Amino acid sequence: PHLDWSRPDQVPGWSSDFDLWAADALARGDVDS
């Protein structure tokens, strides 16, 4: 619901921020976070 469909190649900040956070937590094995 929060994508800008007029700019499908744009990566919203909320998407990249969440992805990088999840990647870091996975790399650290931080299941609690």
PDB file of all heavy atoms in Angstrom:
ATOM      1  N   PRO A   1       0.804  -1.227   0.000  1.00  0.00           N
ATOM      2  CA  PRO A   1       0.000   0.000   0.000  1.00  0.00           C
ATOM      3  C   PRO A   1       0.837   1.277   0.000  1.00  0.00           C
ATOM      4  O   PRO A   1       0.313   2.353  -0.302  1.00  0.00           O
ATOM      5  CB  PRO A   1      -0.817  -0.114   1.296  1.00  0.00           C
ATOM      6  CG  PRO A   1      -0.770  -1.549   1.679  1.00  0.00           C
ATOM      7  CD  PRO A   1       0.561  -2.032   1.214  1.00  0.00           C
ATOM      8  N   HIS A   2       2.105   1.169   0.331  1.00  0.00           N
ATOM      9  CA  HIS A   2       2.941   2.358   0.494  1.00  0.00           C
ATOM     10  C   HIS A   2       3.941   2.553  -0.647  1.00  0.00           C
ATOM     11  O   HIS A   2       4.817   3.416  -0.566  1.00  0.00           O
ATOM     12  CB  HIS A   2       3.690   2.280   1.830  1.00  0.00           C
ATOM     13  CG  HIS A   2       2.788   2.042   3.000  1.00  0.00           C
ATOM     14  ND1 HIS A   2       1.801   2.926   3.374  1.00  0.00           N
ATOM     15  CD2 HIS A   2       2.696   0.991   3.861  1.00  0.00           C
ATOM     16  CE1 HIS A   2       1.146   2.452   4.419  1.00  0.00           C
ATOM     17  NE2 HIS A   2       1.676   1.272   4.730  1.00  0.00           N
ATOM     18  N   LEU A   3       3.805   1.770  -1.710  1.00  0.00           N
ATOM     19  CA  LEU A   3       4.691   1.923  -2.862  1.00  0.00           C
ATOM     20  C   LEU A   3       4.212   3.056  -3.762  1.00  0.00           C
ATOM     21  O   LEU A   3       3.010   3.321  -3.874  1.00  0.00           O
ATOM     22  CB  LEU A   3       4.739   0.623  -3.675  1.00  0.00           C
ATOM     23  CG  LEU A   3       5.424  -0.575  -3.018  1.00  0.00           C
ATOM     24  CD1 LEU A   3       5.259  -1.810  -3.897  1.00  0.00           C
ATOM     25  CD2 LEU A   3       6.900  -0.297  -2.772  1.00  0.00           C
ATOM     26  N   ASP A   4       5.156   3.706  -4.407  1.00  0.00           N
ATOM     27  CA  ASP A   4       4.844   4.703  -5.420  1.00  0.00           C
ATOM     28  C   ASP A   4       4.847   3.991  -6.770  1.00  0.00           C
ATOM     29  O   ASP A   4       5.901   3.771  -7.365  1.00  0.00           O
ATOM     30  CB  ASP A   4       5.895   5.827  -5.391  1.00  0.00           C
ATOM     31  CG  ASP A   4       5.601   6.925  -6.401  1.00  0.00           C
ATOM     32  OD1 ASP A   4       4.664   6.758  -7.216  1.00  0.00           O
ATOM     33  OD2 ASP A   4       6.321   7.953  -6.386  1.00  0.00           O
ATOM     34  N   TRP A   5       3.663   3.608  -7.228  1.00  0.00           N
ATOM     35  CA  TRP A   5       3.571   2.790  -8.432  1.00  0.00           C
ATOM     36  C   TRP A   5       3.960   3.554  -9.686  1.00  0.00           C
ATOM     37  O   TRP A   5       4.167   2.941 -10.744  1.00  0.00           O
ATOM     38  CB  TRP A   5       2.163   2.218  -8.563  1.00  0.00           C
ATOM     39  CG  TRP A   5       1.876   1.220  -7.477  1.00  0.00           C
ATOM     40  CD1 TRP A   5       1.180   1.433  -6.333  1.00  0.00           C
ATOM     41  CD2 TRP A   5       2.322  -0.145  -7.415  1.00  0.00           C
ATOM     42  NE1 TRP A   5       1.148   0.291  -5.562  1.00  0.00           N
ATOM     43  CE2 TRP A   5       1.837  -0.686  -6.205  1.00  0.00           C
ATOM     44  CE3 TRP A   5       3.068  -0.954  -8.272  1.00  0.00           C
ATOM     45  CZ2 TRP A   5       2.088  -2.003  -5.833  1.00  0.00           C
ATOM     46  CZ3 TRP A   5       3.313  -2.255  -7.906  1.00  0.00           C
ATOM     47  CH2 TRP A   5       2.825  -2.780  -6.695  1.00  0.00           C
ATOM     48  N   SER A   6       4.064   4.874  -9.581  1.00  0.00           N
ATOM     49  CA  SER A   6       4.535   5.651 -10.729  1.00  0.00           C
ATOM     50  C   SER A   6       6.050   5.593 -10.861  1.00  0.00           C
ATOM     51  O   SER A   6       6.611   5.989 -11.878  1.00  0.00           O
ATOM     52  CB  SER A   6       4.087   7.120 -10.608  1.00  0.00           C
ATOM     53  OG  SER A   6       4.751   7.765  -9.522  1.00  0.00           O
ATOM     54  N   ARG A   7       6.716   5.104  -9.811  1.00  0.00           N
ATOM     55  CA  ARG A   7       8.181   4.981  -9.817  1.00  0.00           C
ATOM     56  C   ARG A   7       8.557   3.591  -9.299  1.00  0.00           C
ATOM     57  O   ARG A   7       9.094   3.440  -8.199  1.00  0.00           O
ATOM     58  CB  ARG A   7       8.807   6.069  -8.955  1.00  0.00           C
ATOM     59  CG  ARG A   7       8.412   7.485  -9.377  1.00  0.00           C
ATOM     60  CD  ARG A   7       8.876   8.517  -8.366  1.00  0.00           C
ATOM     61  NE  ARG A   7      10.333   8.591  -8.279  1.00  0.00           N
ATOM     62  CZ  ARG A   7      10.991   9.314  -7.378  1.00  0.00           C
ATOM     63  NH1 ARG A   7      10.321  10.006  -6.465  1.00  0.00           N
ATOM     64  NH2 ARG A   7      12.307   9.330  -7.363  1.00  0.00           N
ATOM     65  N   PRO A   8       8.287   2.527 -10.075  1.00  0.00           N
ATOM     66  CA  PRO A   8       8.486   1.157  -9.585  1.00  0.00           C
ATOM     67  C   PRO A   8       9.939   0.801  -9.301  1.00  0.00           C
ATOM     68  O   PRO A   8      10.203  -0.169  -8.580  1.00  0.00           O
ATOM     69  CB  PRO A   8       7.913   0.295 -10.714  1.00  0.00           C
ATOM     70  CG  PRO A   8       7.987   1.165 -11.928  1.00  0.00           C
ATOM     71  CD  PRO A   8       7.752   2.560 -11.442  1.00  0.00           C
ATOM     72  N   ASP A   9      10.884   1.541  -9.850  1.00  0.00           N
ATOM     73  CA  ASP A   9      12.296   1.230  -9.607  1.00  0.00           C
ATOM     74  C   ASP A   9      12.836   1.889  -8.339  1.00  0.00           C
ATOM     75  O   ASP A   9      13.966   1.609  -7.929  1.00  0.00           O
ATOM     76  CB  ASP A   9      13.151   1.670 -10.800  1.00  0.00           C
ATOM     77  CG  ASP A   9      12.842   0.870 -12.060  1.00  0.00           C
ATOM     78  OD1 ASP A   9      12.404  -0.288 -11.922  1.00  0.00           O
ATOM     79  OD2 ASP A   9      13.012   1.410 -13.169  1.00  0.00           O
ATOM     80  N   GLN A  10      12.048   2.754  -7.732  1.00  0.00           N
ATOM     81  CA  GLN A  10      12.500   3.434  -6.515  1.00  0.00           C
ATOM     82  C   GLN A  10      12.376   2.491  -5.318  1.00  0.00           C
ATOM     83  O   GLN A  10      11.360   1.805  -5.148  1.00  0.00           O
ATOM     84  CB  GLN A  10      11.671   4.683  -6.265  1.00  0.00           C
ATOM     85  CG  GLN A  10      12.088   5.473  -5.028  1.00  0.00           C
ATOM     86  CD  GLN A  10      11.143   6.621  -4.738  1.00  0.00           C
ATOM     87  OE1 GLN A  10       9.926   6.473  -4.803  1.00  0.00           O
ATOM     88  NE2 GLN A  10      11.702   7.785  -4.422  1.00  0.00           N
ATOM     89  N   VAL A  11      13.414   2.448  -4.477  1.00  0.00           N
ATOM     90  CA  VAL A  11      13.378   1.655  -3.249  1.00  0.00           C
ATOM     91  C   VAL A  11      13.061   2.594  -2.094  1.00  0.00           C
ATOM     92  O   VAL A  11      13.872   3.452  -1.740  1.00  0.00           O
ATOM     93  CB  VAL A  11      14.723   0.945  -2.999  1.00  0.00           C
ATOM     94  CG1 VAL A  11      14.666   0.162  -1.681  1.00  0.00           C
ATOM     95  CG2 VAL A  11      15.058   0.011  -4.155  1.00  0.00           C
ATOM     96  N   PRO A  12      11.883   2.479  -1.483  1.00  0.00           N
ATOM     97  CA  PRO A  12      11.539   3.366  -0.369  1.00  0.00           C
ATOM     98  C   PRO A  12      12.484   3.152   0.808  1.00  0.00           C
ATOM     99  O   PRO A  12      12.995   2.051   1.035  1.00  0.00           O
ATOM    100  CB  PRO A  12      10.112   2.939  -0.006  1.00  0.00           C
ATOM    101  CG  PRO A  12       9.601   2.183  -1.192  1.00  0.00           C
ATOM    102  CD  PRO A  12      10.801   1.533  -1.814  1.00  0.00           C
ATOM    103  N   GLY A  13      12.685   4.207   1.588  1.00  0.00           N
ATOM    104  CA  GLY A  13      13.551   4.108   2.752  1.00  0.00           C
ATOM    105  C   GLY A  13      13.080   3.066   3.740  1.00  0.00           C
ATOM    106  O   GLY A  13      13.901   2.341   4.324  1.00  0.00           O
ATOM    107  N   TRP A  14      11.767   2.964   3.930  1.00  0.00           N
ATOM    108  CA  TRP A  14      11.267   1.971   4.887  1.00  0.00           C
ATOM    109  C   TRP A  14      11.601   0.550   4.446  1.00  0.00           C
ATOM    110  O   TRP A  14      11.781  -0.334   5.273  1.00  0.00           O
ATOM    111  CB  TRP A  14       9.756   2.112   5.111  1.00  0.00           C
ATOM    112  CG  TRP A  14       8.891   2.198   3.891  1.00  0.00           C
ATOM    113  CD1 TRP A  14       8.340   3.324   3.335  1.00  0.00           C
ATOM    114  CD2 TRP A  14       8.449   1.102   3.065  1.00  0.00           C
ATOM    115  NE1 TRP A  14       7.597   3.007   2.215  1.00  0.00           N
ATOM    116  CE2 TRP A  14       7.636   1.647   2.035  1.00  0.00           C
ATOM    117  CE3 TRP A  14       8.652  -0.278   3.101  1.00  0.00           C
ATOM    118  CZ2 TRP A  14       7.041   0.866   1.051  1.00  0.00           C
ATOM    119  CZ3 TRP A  14       8.071  -1.066   2.116  1.00  0.00           C
ATOM    120  CH2 TRP A  14       7.276  -0.486   1.109  1.00  0.00           C
ATOM    121  N   SER A  15      11.694   0.305   3.128  1.00  0.00           N
ATOM    122  CA  SER A  15      12.019  -1.030   2.628  1.00  0.00           C
ATOM    123  C   SER A  15      13.502  -1.350   2.822  1.00  0.00           C
ATOM    124  O   SER A  15      13.859  -2.423   3.335  1.00  0.00           O
ATOM    125  CB  SER A  15      11.643  -1.130   1.147  1.00  0.00           C
ATOM    126  OG  SER A  15      11.832  -2.434   0.649  1.00  0.00           O
ATOM    127  N   SER A  16      14.360  -0.432   2.423  1.00  0.00           N
ATOM    128  CA  SER A  16      15.798  -0.681   2.573  1.00  0.00           C
ATOM    129  C   SER A  16      16.212  -0.693   4.033  1.00  0.00           C
ATOM    130  O   SER A  16      17.052  -1.507   4.444  1.00  0.00           O
ATOM    131  CB  SER A  16      16.600   0.367   1.805  1.00  0.00           C
ATOM    132  OG  SER A  16      16.300   1.675   2.246  1.00  0.00           O
ATOM    133  N   ASP A  17      15.614   0.176   4.856  1.00  0.00           N
ATOM    134  CA  ASP A  17      15.966   0.202   6.279  1.00  0.00           C
ATOM    135  C   ASP A  17      15.605  -1.118   6.957  1.00  0.00           C
ATOM    136  O   ASP A  17      16.397  -1.666   7.738  1.00  0.00           O
ATOM    137  CB  ASP A  17      15.261   1.358   6.991  1.00  0.00           C
ATOM    138  CG  ASP A  17      15.824   2.719   6.613  1.00  0.00           C
ATOM    139  OD1 ASP A  17      16.892   2.768   5.981  1.00  0.00           O
ATOM    140  OD2 ASP A  17      15.176   3.735   6.953  1.00  0.00           O
ATOM    141  N   PHE A  18      14.409  -1.621   6.681  1.00  0.00           N
ATOM    142  CA  PHE A  18      13.990  -2.886   7.294  1.00  0.00           C
ATOM    143  C   PHE A  18      14.880  -4.023   6.802  1.00  0.00           C
ATOM    144  O   PHE A  18      15.334  -4.865   7.595  1.00  0.00           O
ATOM    145  CB  PHE A  18      12.529  -3.183   6.964  1.00  0.00           C
ATOM    146  CG  PHE A  18      11.992  -4.419   7.646  1.00  0.00           C
ATOM    147  CD1 PHE A  18      11.251  -4.323   8.811  1.00  0.00           C
ATOM    148  CD2 PHE A  18      12.243  -5.695   7.131  1.00  0.00           C
ATOM    149  CE1 PHE A  18      10.762  -5.464   9.453  1.00  0.00           C
ATOM    150  CE2 PHE A  18      11.767  -6.828   7.762  1.00  0.00           C
ATOM    151  CZ  PHE A  18      11.026  -6.721   8.921  1.00  0.00           C
ATOM    152  N   ASP A  19      15.142  -4.060   5.510  1.00  0.00           N
ATOM    153  CA  ASP A  19      15.946  -5.133   4.927  1.00  0.00           C
ATOM    154  C   ASP A  19      17.341  -5.174   5.538  1.00  0.00           C
ATOM    155  O   ASP A  19      17.838  -6.242   5.915  1.00  0.00           O
ATOM    156  CB  ASP A  19      16.020  -4.936   3.413  1.00  0.00           C
ATOM    157  CG  ASP A  19      16.871  -5.980   2.728  1.00  0.00           C
ATOM    158  OD1 ASP A  19      16.712  -7.181   3.032  1.00  0.00           O
ATOM    159  OD2 ASP A  19      17.707  -5.606   1.884  1.00  0.00           O
ATOM    160  N   LEU A  20      17.975  -4.020   5.653  1.00  0.00           N
ATOM    161  CA  LEU A  20      19.337  -3.977   6.206  1.00  0.00           C
ATOM    162  C   LEU A  20      19.331  -4.355   7.681  1.00  0.00           C
ATOM    163  O   LEU A  20      20.251  -5.011   8.174  1.00  0.00           O
ATOM    164  CB  LEU A  20      19.938  -2.591   5.993  1.00  0.00           C
ATOM    165  CG  LEU A  20      20.216  -2.233   4.528  1.00  0.00           C
ATOM    166  CD1 LEU A  20      20.644  -0.776   4.412  1.00  0.00           C
ATOM    167  CD2 LEU A  20      21.266  -3.155   3.929  1.00  0.00           C
ATOM    168  N   TRP A  21      18.304  -3.931   8.404  1.00  0.00           N
ATOM    169  CA  TRP A  21      18.182  -4.306   9.820  1.00  0.00           C
ATOM    170  C   TRP A  21      18.032  -5.820   9.953  1.00  0.00           C
ATOM    171  O   TRP A  21      18.709  -6.455  10.777  1.00  0.00           O
ATOM    172  CB  TRP A  21      16.973  -3.608  10.447  1.00  0.00           C
ATOM    173  CG  TRP A  21      16.664  -4.069  11.836  1.00  0.00           C
ATOM    174  CD1 TRP A  21      17.205  -3.602  13.003  1.00  0.00           C
ATOM    175  CD2 TRP A  21      15.749  -5.118  12.209  1.00  0.00           C
ATOM    176  NE1 TRP A  21      16.679  -4.289  14.075  1.00  0.00           N
ATOM    177  CE2 TRP A  21      15.790  -5.222  13.621  1.00  0.00           C
ATOM    178  CE3 TRP A  21      14.904  -5.954  11.495  1.00  0.00           C
ATOM    179  CZ2 TRP A  21      15.016  -6.144  14.320  1.00  0.00           C
ATOM    180  CZ3 TRP A  21      14.130  -6.879  12.189  1.00  0.00           C
ATOM    181  CH2 TRP A  21      14.188  -6.963  13.591  1.00  0.00           C
ATOM    182  N   ALA A  22      17.169  -6.415   9.137  1.00  0.00           N
ATOM    183  CA  ALA A  22      16.963  -7.871   9.203  1.00  0.00           C
ATOM    184  C   ALA A  22      18.232  -8.621   8.820  1.00  0.00           C
ATOM    185  O   ALA A  22      18.587  -9.618   9.458  1.00  0.00           O
ATOM    186  CB  ALA A  22      15.810  -8.279   8.283  1.00  0.00           C
ATOM    187  N   ALA A  23      18.938  -8.130   7.793  1.00  0.00           N
ATOM    188  CA  ALA A  23      20.182  -8.783   7.377  1.00  0.00           C
ATOM    189  C   ALA A  23      21.206  -8.764   8.506  1.00  0.00           C
ATOM    190  O   ALA A  23      21.896  -9.758   8.748  1.00  0.00           O
ATOM    191  CB  ALA A  23      20.739  -8.097   6.136  1.00  0.00           C
ATOM    192  N   ASP A  24      21.303  -7.634   9.201  1.00  0.00           N
ATOM    193  CA  ASP A  24      22.253  -7.530  10.305  1.00  0.00           C
ATOM    194  C   ASP A  24      21.865  -8.448  11.460  1.00  0.00           C
ATOM    195  O   ASP A  24      22.720  -9.143  12.030  1.00  0.00           O
ATOM    196  CB  ASP A  24      22.319  -6.077  10.779  1.00  0.00           C
ATOM    197  CG  ASP A  24      23.225  -5.896  11.986  1.00  0.00           C
ATOM    198  OD1 ASP A  24      24.454  -6.067  11.843  1.00  0.00           O
ATOM    199  OD2 ASP A  24      22.708  -5.607  13.081  1.00  0.00           O
ATOM    200  N   ALA A  25      20.580  -8.463  11.810  1.00  0.00           N
ATOM    201  CA  ALA A  25      20.126  -9.323  12.907  1.00  0.00           C
ATOM    202  C   ALA A  25      20.349 -10.796  12.572  1.00  0.00           C
ATOM    203  O   ALA A  25      20.761 -11.585  13.432  1.00  0.00           O
ATOM    204  CB  ALA A  25      18.658  -9.051  13.213  1.00  0.00           C
ATOM    205  N   LEU A  26      20.087 -11.179  11.322  1.00  0.00           N
ATOM    206  CA  LEU A  26      20.317 -12.566  10.911  1.00  0.00           C
ATOM    207  C   LEU A  26      21.801 -12.909  10.995  1.00  0.00           C
ATOM    208  O   LEU A  26      22.181 -13.984  11.472  1.00  0.00           O
ATOM    209  CB  LEU A  26      19.803 -12.782   9.490  1.00  0.00           C
ATOM    210  CG  LEU A  26      18.277 -12.849   9.324  1.00  0.00           C
ATOM    211  CD1 LEU A  26      17.906 -12.700   7.857  1.00  0.00           C
ATOM    212  CD2 LEU A  26      17.727 -14.170   9.882  1.00  0.00           C
ATOM    213  N   ALA A  27      22.643 -11.999  10.536  1.00  0.00           N
ATOM    214  CA  ALA A  27      24.089 -12.250  10.556  1.00  0.00           C
ATOM    215  C   ALA A  27      24.608 -12.414  11.976  1.00  0.00           C
ATOM    216  O   ALA A  27      25.565 -13.166  12.222  1.00  0.00           O
ATOM    217  CB  ALA A  27      24.825 -11.118   9.852  1.00  0.00           C
ATOM    218  N   ARG A  28      23.985 -11.721  12.923  1.00  0.00           N
ATOM    219  CA  ARG A  28      24.402 -11.813  14.328  1.00  0.00           C
ATOM    220  C   ARG A  28      23.684 -12.936  15.068  1.00  0.00           C
ATOM    221  O   ARG A  28      23.972 -13.184  16.236  1.00  0.00           O
ATOM    222  CB  ARG A  28      24.133 -10.481  15.038  1.00  0.00           C
ATOM    223  CG  ARG A  28      25.030  -9.338  14.562  1.00  0.00           C
ATOM    224  CD  ARG A  28      24.807  -8.056  15.374  1.00  0.00           C
ATOM    225  NE  ARG A  28      23.511  -7.451  15.113  1.00  0.00           N
ATOM    226  CZ  ARG A  28      22.459  -7.492  15.907  1.00  0.00           C
ATOM    227  NH1 ARG A  28      22.521  -8.179  17.061  1.00  0.00           N
ATOM    228  NH2 ARG A  28      21.322  -6.890  15.585  1.00  0.00           N
ATOM    229  N   GLY A  29      22.743 -13.593  14.404  1.00  0.00           N
ATOM    230  CA  GLY A  29      21.982 -14.641  15.066  1.00  0.00           C
ATOM    231  C   GLY A  29      21.098 -14.113  16.175  1.00  0.00           C
ATOM    232  O   GLY A  29      20.822 -14.824  17.155  1.00  0.00           O
ATOM    233  N   ASP A  30      20.631 -12.883  16.027  1.00  0.00           N
ATOM    234  CA  ASP A  30      19.854 -12.232  17.080  1.00  0.00           C
ATOM    235  C   ASP A  30      18.374 -12.554  16.916  1.00  0.00           C
ATOM    236  O   ASP A  30      17.584 -11.738  16.419  1.00  0.00           O
ATOM    237  CB  ASP A  30      20.098 -10.719  17.031  1.00  0.00           C
ATOM    238  CG  ASP A  30      19.547 -10.000  18.255  1.00  0.00           C
ATOM    239  OD1 ASP A  30      18.783 -10.627  19.017  1.00  0.00           O
ATOM    240  OD2 ASP A  30      19.874  -8.809  18.430  1.00  0.00           O
ATOM    241  N   VAL A  31      18.012 -13.756  17.327  1.00  0.00           N
ATOM    242  CA  VAL A  31      16.635 -14.217  17.166  1.00  0.00           C
ATOM    243  C   VAL A  31      15.682 -13.393  18.028  1.00  0.00           C
ATOM    244  O   VAL A  31      14.529 -13.151  17.637  1.00  0.00           O
ATOM    245  CB  VAL A  31      16.533 -15.718  17.501  1.00  0.00           C
ATOM    246  CG1 VAL A  31      15.093 -16.205  17.390  1.00  0.00           C
ATOM    247  CG2 VAL A  31      17.435 -16.525  16.583  1.00  0.00           C
ATOM    248  N   ASP A  32      16.153 -12.922  19.173  1.00  0.00           N
ATOM    249  CA  ASP A  32      15.294 -12.119  20.047  1.00  0.00           C
ATOM    250  C   ASP A  32      14.889 -10.817  19.369  1.00  0.00           C
ATOM    251  O   ASP A  32      13.711 -10.410  19.424  1.00  0.00           O
ATOM    252  CB  ASP A  32      16.001 -11.815  21.370  1.00  0.00           C
ATOM    253  CG  ASP A  32      16.135 -13.045  22.256  1.00  0.00           C
ATOM    254  OD1 ASP A  32      15.381 -14.015  22.044  1.00  0.00           O
ATOM    255  OD2 ASP A  32      17.001 -13.028  23.160  1.00  0.00           O
ATOM    256  N   SER A  33      15.835 -10.139  18.732  1.00  0.00           N
ATOM    257  CA  SER A  33      15.501  -8.894  18.037  1.00  0.00           C
ATOM    258  C   SER A  33      14.574  -9.168  16.859  1.00  0.00           C
ATOM    259  O   SER A  33      13.600  -8.437  16.628  1.00  0.00           O
ATOM    260  CB  SER A  33      16.766  -8.187  17.552  1.00  0.00           C
ATOM    261  OG  SER A  33      17.501  -7.676  18.638  1.00  0.00           O
TER     262      SER A  33
END
